[in-house]
Amino acid sequence: MNSDLAMVVGIVLAVLSIPSILSAVTDRRSPRASAITILIAAGLIVFALQKNPGRYSFETLPDVFVSVAADLLP
């Protein structure tokens, strides 16, 4: 797996799990599925950071998203 793709998927999974966590907390349920999703997202982000140390910063993240989108679109 490409490290850029792992970073983008990890960030997207982390962002998409936030509403699930909030829903579980407000309904007084245990956020099990959300916790698993956050762990997977964190694993993908750590994988990308270890594979290319120094490549990712807040300034380069938009470029990473655009390059992954360009690779996926025909």
PDB file of N, CA and C in Angstrom:
ATOM      1  N   MET A   1       0.837  -1.168   0.000  1.00  0.00           N
ATOM      2  CA  MET A   1       0.000   0.000   0.000  1.00  0.00           C
ATOM      3  C   MET A   1       0.889   1.239   0.000  1.00  0.00           C
ATOM      4  N   ASN A   2       0.544   2.178  -0.810  1.00  0.00           N
ATOM      5  CA  ASN A   2       1.234   3.443  -0.903  1.00  0.00           C
ATOM      6  C   ASN A   2       1.072   4.207   0.420  1.00  0.00           C
ATOM      7  N   SER A   3       2.118   4.846   0.893  1.00  0.00           N
ATOM      8  CA  SER A   3       2.037   5.554   2.174  1.00  0.00           C
ATOM      9  C   SER A   3       1.102   6.761   2.094  1.00  0.00           C
ATOM     10  N   ASP A   4       1.037   7.412   0.925  1.00  0.00           N
ATOM     11  CA  ASP A   4       0.099   8.520   0.777  1.00  0.00           C
ATOM     12  C   ASP A   4      -1.344   8.030   0.893  1.00  0.00           C
ATOM     13  N   LEU A   5      -1.633   6.892   0.271  1.00  0.00           N
ATOM     14  CA  LEU A   5      -2.978   6.330   0.354  1.00  0.00           C
ATOM     15  C   LEU A   5      -3.309   5.926   1.785  1.00  0.00           C
ATOM     16  N   ALA A   6      -2.343   5.353   2.486  1.00  0.00           N
ATOM     17  CA  ALA A   6      -2.567   4.971   3.878  1.00  0.00           C
ATOM     18  C   ALA A   6      -2.852   6.195   4.736  1.00  0.00           C
ATOM     19  N   MET A   7      -2.137   7.278   4.500  1.00  0.00           N
ATOM     20  CA  MET A   7      -2.357   8.505   5.267  1.00  0.00           C
ATOM     21  C   MET A   7      -3.752   9.069   5.006  1.00  0.00           C
ATOM     22  N   VAL A   8      -4.145   9.120   3.749  1.00  0.00           N
ATOM     23  CA  VAL A   8      -5.451   9.684   3.397  1.00  0.00           C
ATOM     24  C   VAL A   8      -6.577   8.816   3.949  1.00  0.00           C
ATOM     25  N   VAL A   9      -6.478   7.513   3.801  1.00  0.00           N
ATOM     26  CA  VAL A   9      -7.519   6.615   4.322  1.00  0.00           C
ATOM     27  C   VAL A   9      -7.584   6.707   5.845  1.00  0.00           C
ATOM     28  N   GLY A  10      -6.443   6.790   6.489  1.00  0.00           N
ATOM     29  CA  GLY A  10      -6.418   6.917   7.942  1.00  0.00           C
ATOM     30  C   GLY A  10      -7.080   8.197   8.418  1.00  0.00           C
ATOM     31  N   ILE A  11      -6.783   9.303   7.760  1.00  0.00           N
ATOM     32  CA  ILE A  11      -7.387  10.579   8.146  1.00  0.00           C
ATOM     33  C   ILE A  11      -8.887  10.566   7.889  1.00  0.00           C
ATOM     34  N   VAL A  12      -9.298  10.038   6.744  1.00  0.00           N
ATOM     35  CA  VAL A  12     -10.732   9.983   6.429  1.00  0.00           C
ATOM     36  C   VAL A  12     -11.470   9.096   7.423  1.00  0.00           C
ATOM     37  N   LEU A  13     -10.912   7.941   7.760  1.00  0.00           N
ATOM     38  CA  LEU A  13     -11.558   7.072   8.750  1.00  0.00           C
ATOM     39  C   LEU A  13     -11.658   7.747  10.113  1.00  0.00           C
ATOM     40  N   ALA A  14     -10.611   8.445  10.512  1.00  0.00           N
ATOM     41  CA  ALA A  14     -10.631   9.130  11.802  1.00  0.00           C
ATOM     42  C   ALA A  14     -11.707  10.214  11.829  1.00  0.00           C
ATOM     43  N   VAL A  15     -11.809  10.973  10.757  1.00  0.00           N
ATOM     44  CA  VAL A  15     -12.808  12.048  10.708  1.00  0.00           C
ATOM     45  C   VAL A  15     -14.218  11.476  10.667  1.00  0.00           C
ATOM     46  N   LEU A  16     -14.409  10.400   9.919  1.00  0.00           N
ATOM     47  CA  LEU A  16     -15.750   9.817   9.825  1.00  0.00           C
ATOM     48  C   LEU A  16     -16.187   9.095  11.095  1.00  0.00           C
ATOM     49  N   SER A  17     -15.269   8.745  11.955  1.00  0.00           N
ATOM     50  CA  SER A  17     -15.649   8.066  13.193  1.00  0.00           C
ATOM     51  C   SER A  17     -16.048   9.040  14.300  1.00  0.00           C
ATOM     52  N   ILE A  18     -15.756  10.304  14.143  1.00  0.00           N
ATOM     53  CA  ILE A  18     -16.109  11.287  15.168  1.00  0.00           C
ATOM     54  C   ILE A  18     -17.614  11.361  15.400  1.00  0.00           C
ATOM     55  N   PRO A  19     -18.464  11.438  14.372  1.00  0.00           N
ATOM     56  CA  PRO A  19     -19.910  11.448  14.647  1.00  0.00           C
ATOM     57  C   PRO A  19     -20.399  10.178  15.336  1.00  0.00           C
ATOM     58  N   SER A  20     -19.792   9.054  15.008  1.00  0.00           N
ATOM     59  CA  SER A  20     -20.173   7.795  15.650  1.00  0.00           C
ATOM     60  C   SER A  20     -19.823   7.800  17.135  1.00  0.00           C
ATOM     61  N   ILE A  21     -18.678   8.343  17.467  1.00  0.00           N
ATOM     62  CA  ILE A  21     -18.273   8.450  18.869  1.00  0.00           C
ATOM     63  C   ILE A  21     -19.226   9.370  19.619  1.00  0.00           C
ATOM     64  N   LEU A  22     -19.517  10.509  19.031  1.00  0.00           N
ATOM     65  CA  LEU A  22     -20.422  11.451  19.683  1.00  0.00           C
ATOM     66  C   LEU A  22     -21.814  10.869  19.861  1.00  0.00           C
ATOM     67  N   SER A  23     -22.299  10.132  18.882  1.00  0.00           N
ATOM     68  CA  SER A  23     -23.606   9.499  18.982  1.00  0.00           C
ATOM     69  C   SER A  23     -23.632   8.460  20.096  1.00  0.00           C
ATOM     70  N   ALA A  24     -22.595   7.665  20.173  1.00  0.00           N
ATOM     71  CA  ALA A  24     -22.539   6.643  21.218  1.00  0.00           C
ATOM     72  C   ALA A  24     -22.459   7.266  22.609  1.00  0.00           C
ATOM     73  N   VAL A  25     -21.713   8.328  22.747  1.00  0.00           N
ATOM     74  CA  VAL A  25     -21.572   8.977  24.043  1.00  0.00           C
ATOM     75  C   VAL A  25     -22.887   9.628  24.469  1.00  0.00           C
ATOM     76  N   THR A  26     -23.571  10.280  23.538  1.00  0.00           N
ATOM     77  CA  THR A  26     -24.824  10.939  23.897  1.00  0.00           C
ATOM     78  C   THR A  26     -25.931   9.936  24.195  1.00  0.00           C
ATOM     79  N   ASP A  27     -25.880   8.763  23.586  1.00  0.00           N
ATOM     80  CA  ASP A  27     -26.876   7.716  23.866  1.00  0.00           C
ATOM     81  C   ASP A  27     -26.470   6.835  25.036  1.00  0.00           C
ATOM     82  N   ARG A  28     -25.361   7.167  25.680  1.00  0.00           N
ATOM     83  CA  ARG A  28     -24.827   6.417  26.817  1.00  0.00           C
ATOM     84  C   ARG A  28     -24.543   4.952  26.468  1.00  0.00           C
ATOM     85  N   ARG A  29     -23.988   4.776  25.257  1.00  0.00           N
ATOM     86  CA  ARG A  29     -23.554   3.457  24.818  1.00  0.00           C
ATOM     87  C   ARG A  29     -22.040   3.429  24.770  1.00  0.00           C
ATOM     88  N   SER A  30     -21.500   2.242  24.739  1.00  0.00           N
ATOM     89  CA  SER A  30     -20.058   2.096  24.609  1.00  0.00           C
ATOM     90  C   SER A  30     -19.672   2.232  23.131  1.00  0.00           C
ATOM     91  N   PRO A  31     -18.731   3.117  22.814  1.00  0.00           N
ATOM     92  CA  PRO A  31     -18.352   3.327  21.408  1.00  0.00           C
ATOM     93  C   PRO A  31     -17.364   2.269  20.915  1.00  0.00           C
ATOM     94  N   ARG A  32     -17.785   1.012  20.886  1.00  0.00           N
ATOM     95  CA  ARG A  32     -16.876  -0.081  20.505  1.00  0.00           C
ATOM     96  C   ARG A  32     -16.445  -0.002  19.048  1.00  0.00           C
ATOM     97  N   ALA A  33     -17.421   0.115  18.146  1.00  0.00           N
ATOM     98  CA  ALA A  33     -17.082   0.160  16.718  1.00  0.00           C
ATOM     99  C   ALA A  33     -16.254   1.393  16.392  1.00  0.00           C
ATOM    100  N   SER A  34     -16.581   2.498  17.033  1.00  0.00           N
ATOM    101  CA  SER A  34     -15.813   3.727  16.799  1.00  0.00           C
ATOM    102  C   SER A  34     -14.392   3.597  17.310  1.00  0.00           C
ATOM    103  N   ALA A  35     -14.226   2.942  18.427  1.00  0.00           N
ATOM    104  CA  ALA A  35     -12.887   2.750  18.975  1.00  0.00           C
ATOM    105  C   ALA A  35     -12.037   1.875  18.054  1.00  0.00           C
ATOM    106  N   ILE A  36     -12.645   0.852  17.506  1.00  0.00           N
ATOM    107  CA  ILE A  36     -11.926  -0.015  16.567  1.00  0.00           C
ATOM    108  C   ILE A  36     -11.556   0.761  15.310  1.00  0.00           C
ATOM    109  N   THR A  37     -12.472   1.596  14.845  1.00  0.00           N
ATOM    110  CA  THR A  37     -12.201   2.400  13.656  1.00  0.00           C
ATOM    111  C   THR A  37     -11.072   3.391  13.913  1.00  0.00           C
ATOM    112  N   ILE A  38     -11.061   4.001  15.084  1.00  0.00           N
ATOM    113  CA  ILE A  38      -9.981   4.931  15.439  1.00  0.00           C
ATOM    114  C   ILE A  38      -8.647   4.197  15.513  1.00  0.00           C
ATOM    115  N   LEU A  39      -8.640   2.979  16.054  1.00  0.00           N
ATOM    116  CA  LEU A  39      -7.404   2.202  16.116  1.00  0.00           C
ATOM    117  C   LEU A  39      -6.881   1.863  14.720  1.00  0.00           C
ATOM    118  N   ILE A  40      -7.775   1.505  13.819  1.00  0.00           N
ATOM    119  CA  ILE A  40      -7.373   1.212  12.443  1.00  0.00           C
ATOM    120  C   ILE A  40      -6.820   2.470  11.776  1.00  0.00           C
ATOM    121  N   ALA A  41      -7.515   3.594  11.977  1.00  0.00           N
ATOM    122  CA  ALA A  41      -7.059   4.857  11.399  1.00  0.00           C
ATOM    123  C   ALA A  41      -5.695   5.246  11.951  1.00  0.00           C
ATOM    124  N   ALA A  42      -5.521   5.104  13.252  1.00  0.00           N
ATOM    125  CA  ALA A  42      -4.230   5.432  13.859  1.00  0.00           C
ATOM    126  C   ALA A  42      -3.128   4.518  13.330  1.00  0.00           C
ATOM    127  N   GLY A  43      -3.447   3.252  13.139  1.00  0.00           N
ATOM    128  CA  GLY A  43      -2.464   2.321  12.582  1.00  0.00           C
ATOM    129  C   GLY A  43      -2.046   2.708  11.176  1.00  0.00           C
ATOM    130  N   LEU A  44      -3.002   3.122  10.349  1.00  0.00           N
ATOM    131  CA  LEU A  44      -2.669   3.548   8.986  1.00  0.00           C
ATOM    132  C   LEU A  44      -1.828   4.815   8.985  1.00  0.00           C
ATOM    133  N   ILE A  45      -2.157   5.749   9.863  1.00  0.00           N
ATOM    134  CA  ILE A  45      -1.392   6.994   9.930  1.00  0.00           C
ATOM    135  C   ILE A  45       0.024   6.726  10.421  1.00  0.00           C
ATOM    136  N   VAL A  46       0.165   5.889  11.436  1.00  0.00           N
ATOM    137  CA  VAL A  46       1.500   5.553  11.950  1.00  0.00           C
ATOM    138  C   VAL A  46       2.304   4.810  10.887  1.00  0.00           C
ATOM    139  N   PHE A  47       1.663   3.914  10.156  1.00  0.00           N
ATOM    140  CA  PHE A  47       2.336   3.201   9.065  1.00  0.00           C
ATOM    141  C   PHE A  47       2.885   4.190   8.039  1.00  0.00           C
ATOM    142  N   ALA A  48       2.063   5.165   7.648  1.00  0.00           N
ATOM    143  CA  ALA A  48       2.497   6.145   6.653  1.00  0.00           C
ATOM    144  C   ALA A  48       3.627   7.009   7.197  1.00  0.00           C
ATOM    145  N   LEU A  49       3.543   7.381   8.467  1.00  0.00           N
ATOM    146  CA  LEU A  49       4.587   8.214   9.054  1.00  0.00           C
ATOM    147  C   LEU A  49       5.904   7.458   9.200  1.00  0.00           C
ATOM    148  N   GLN A  50       5.843   6.167   9.480  1.00  0.00           N
ATOM    149  CA  GLN A  50       7.067   5.379   9.609  1.00  0.00           C
ATOM    150  C   GLN A  50       7.691   5.070   8.255  1.00  0.00           C
ATOM    151  N   LYS A  51       6.850   4.890   7.249  1.00  0.00           N
ATOM    152  CA  LYS A  51       7.367   4.569   5.931  1.00  0.00           C
ATOM    153  C   LYS A  51       8.059   5.772   5.287  1.00  0.00           C
ATOM    154  N   ASN A  52       7.535   6.960   5.507  1.00  0.00           N
ATOM    155  CA  ASN A  52       8.128   8.191   4.958  1.00  0.00           C
ATOM    156  C   ASN A  52       8.249   9.232   6.057  1.00  0.00           C
ATOM    157  N   PRO A  53       9.249   9.115   6.911  1.00  0.00           N
ATOM    158  CA  PRO A  53       9.394  10.124   7.974  1.00  0.00           C
ATOM    159  C   PRO A  53       9.772  11.489   7.386  1.00  0.00           C
ATOM    160  N   GLY A  54       9.152  12.519   7.887  1.00  0.00           N
ATOM    161  CA  GLY A  54       9.432  13.859   7.409  1.00  0.00           C
ATOM    162  C   GLY A  54       8.660  14.277   6.183  1.00  0.00           C
ATOM    163  N   ARG A  55       7.903  13.383   5.594  1.00  0.00           N
ATOM    164  CA  ARG A  55       7.154  13.691   4.363  1.00  0.00           C
ATOM    165  C   ARG A  55       5.876  14.464   4.651  1.00  0.00           C
ATOM    166  N   TYR A  56       5.258  14.203   5.785  1.00  0.00           N
ATOM    167  CA  TYR A  56       3.932  14.738   6.059  1.00  0.00           C
ATOM    168  C   TYR A  56       3.990  15.860   7.085  1.00  0.00           C
ATOM    169  N   SER A  57       3.311  16.940   6.751  1.00  0.00           N
ATOM    170  CA  SER A  57       3.114  18.056   7.669  1.00  0.00           C
ATOM    171  C   SER A  57       1.765  18.668   7.309  1.00  0.00           C
ATOM    172  N   PHE A  58       1.334  19.622   8.099  1.00  0.00           N
ATOM    173  CA  PHE A  58       0.044  20.247   7.815  1.00  0.00           C
ATOM    174  C   PHE A  58       0.064  20.990   6.483  1.00  0.00           C
ATOM    175  N   GLU A  59       1.210  21.450   6.078  1.00  0.00           N
ATOM    176  CA  GLU A  59       1.318  22.175   4.811  1.00  0.00           C
ATOM    177  C   GLU A  59       1.231  21.234   3.608  1.00  0.00           C
ATOM    178  N   THR A  60       1.703  19.995   3.762  1.00  0.00           N
ATOM    179  CA  THR A  60       1.730  19.073   2.619  1.00  0.00           C
ATOM    180  C   THR A  60       0.498  18.176   2.527  1.00  0.00           C
ATOM    181  N   LEU A  61      -0.338  18.155   3.556  1.00  0.00           N
ATOM    182  CA  LEU A  61      -1.508  17.270   3.521  1.00  0.00           C
ATOM    183  C   LEU A  61      -2.462  17.557   2.360  1.00  0.00           C
ATOM    184  N   PRO A  62      -2.761  18.823   2.019  1.00  0.00           N
ATOM    185  CA  PRO A  62      -3.614  19.041   0.846  1.00  0.00           C
ATOM    186  C   PRO A  62      -3.019  18.472  -0.440  1.00  0.00           C
ATOM    187  N   ASP A  63      -1.710  18.585  -0.602  1.00  0.00           N
ATOM    188  CA  ASP A  63      -1.057  18.020  -1.785  1.00  0.00           C
ATOM    189  C   ASP A  63      -1.156  16.499  -1.802  1.00  0.00           C
ATOM    190  N   VAL A  64      -1.063  15.888  -0.624  1.00  0.00           N
ATOM    191  CA  VAL A  64      -1.183  14.431  -0.525  1.00  0.00           C
ATOM    192  C   VAL A  64      -2.593  14.001  -0.909  1.00  0.00           C
ATOM    193  N   PHE A  65      -3.610  14.718  -0.431  1.00  0.00           N
ATOM    194  CA  PHE A  65      -4.989  14.390  -0.783  1.00  0.00           C
ATOM    195  C   PHE A  65      -5.221  14.518  -2.286  1.00  0.00           C
ATOM    196  N   VAL A  66      -4.694  15.564  -2.875  1.00  0.00           N
ATOM    197  CA  VAL A  66      -4.871  15.780  -4.316  1.00  0.00           C
ATOM    198  C   VAL A  66      -4.149  14.709  -5.124  1.00  0.00           C
ATOM    199  N   SER A  67      -2.957  14.319  -4.693  1.00  0.00           N
ATOM    200  CA  SER A  67      -2.224  13.307  -5.444  1.00  0.00           C
ATOM    201  C   SER A  67      -2.908  11.935  -5.342  1.00  0.00           C
ATOM    202  N   VAL A  68      -3.480  11.627  -4.190  1.00  0.00           N
ATOM    203  CA  VAL A  68      -4.208  10.353  -4.055  1.00  0.00           C
ATOM    204  C   VAL A  68      -5.474  10.390  -4.910  1.00  0.00           C
ATOM    205  N   ALA A  69      -6.186  11.515  -4.900  1.00  0.00           N
ATOM    206  CA  ALA A  69      -7.389  11.630  -5.730  1.00  0.00           C
ATOM    207  C   ALA A  69      -7.024  11.529  -7.214  1.00  0.00           C
ATOM    208  N   ALA A  70      -5.927  12.129  -7.618  1.00  0.00           N
ATOM    209  CA  ALA A  70      -5.496  12.051  -9.014  1.00  0.00           C
ATOM    210  C   ALA A  70      -5.107  10.636  -9.406  1.00  0.00           C
ATOM    211  N   ASP A  71      -4.519   9.885  -8.470  1.00  0.00           N
ATOM    212  CA  ASP A  71      -4.164   8.497  -8.763  1.00  0.00           C
ATOM    213  C   ASP A  71      -5.389   7.603  -8.875  1.00  0.00           C
ATOM    214  N   LEU A  72      -6.428   7.908  -8.108  1.00  0.00           N
ATOM    215  CA  LEU A  72      -7.607   7.048  -8.104  1.00  0.00           C
ATOM    216  C   LEU A  72      -8.570   7.349  -9.244  1.00  0.00           C
ATOM    217  N   LEU A  73      -8.614   8.602  -9.671  1.00  0.00           N
ATOM    218  CA  LEU A  73      -9.510   8.967 -10.776  1.00  0.00           C
ATOM    219  C   LEU A  73      -8.841   8.683 -12.104  1.00  0.00           C
ATOM    220  N   PRO A  74      -9.621   8.188 -13.073  1.00  0.00           N
ATOM    221  CA  PRO A  74      -9.016   7.856 -14.375  1.00  0.00           C
ATOM    222  C   PRO A  74      -8.643   9.048 -15.194  1.00  0.00           C
TER     223      PRO A  74
END
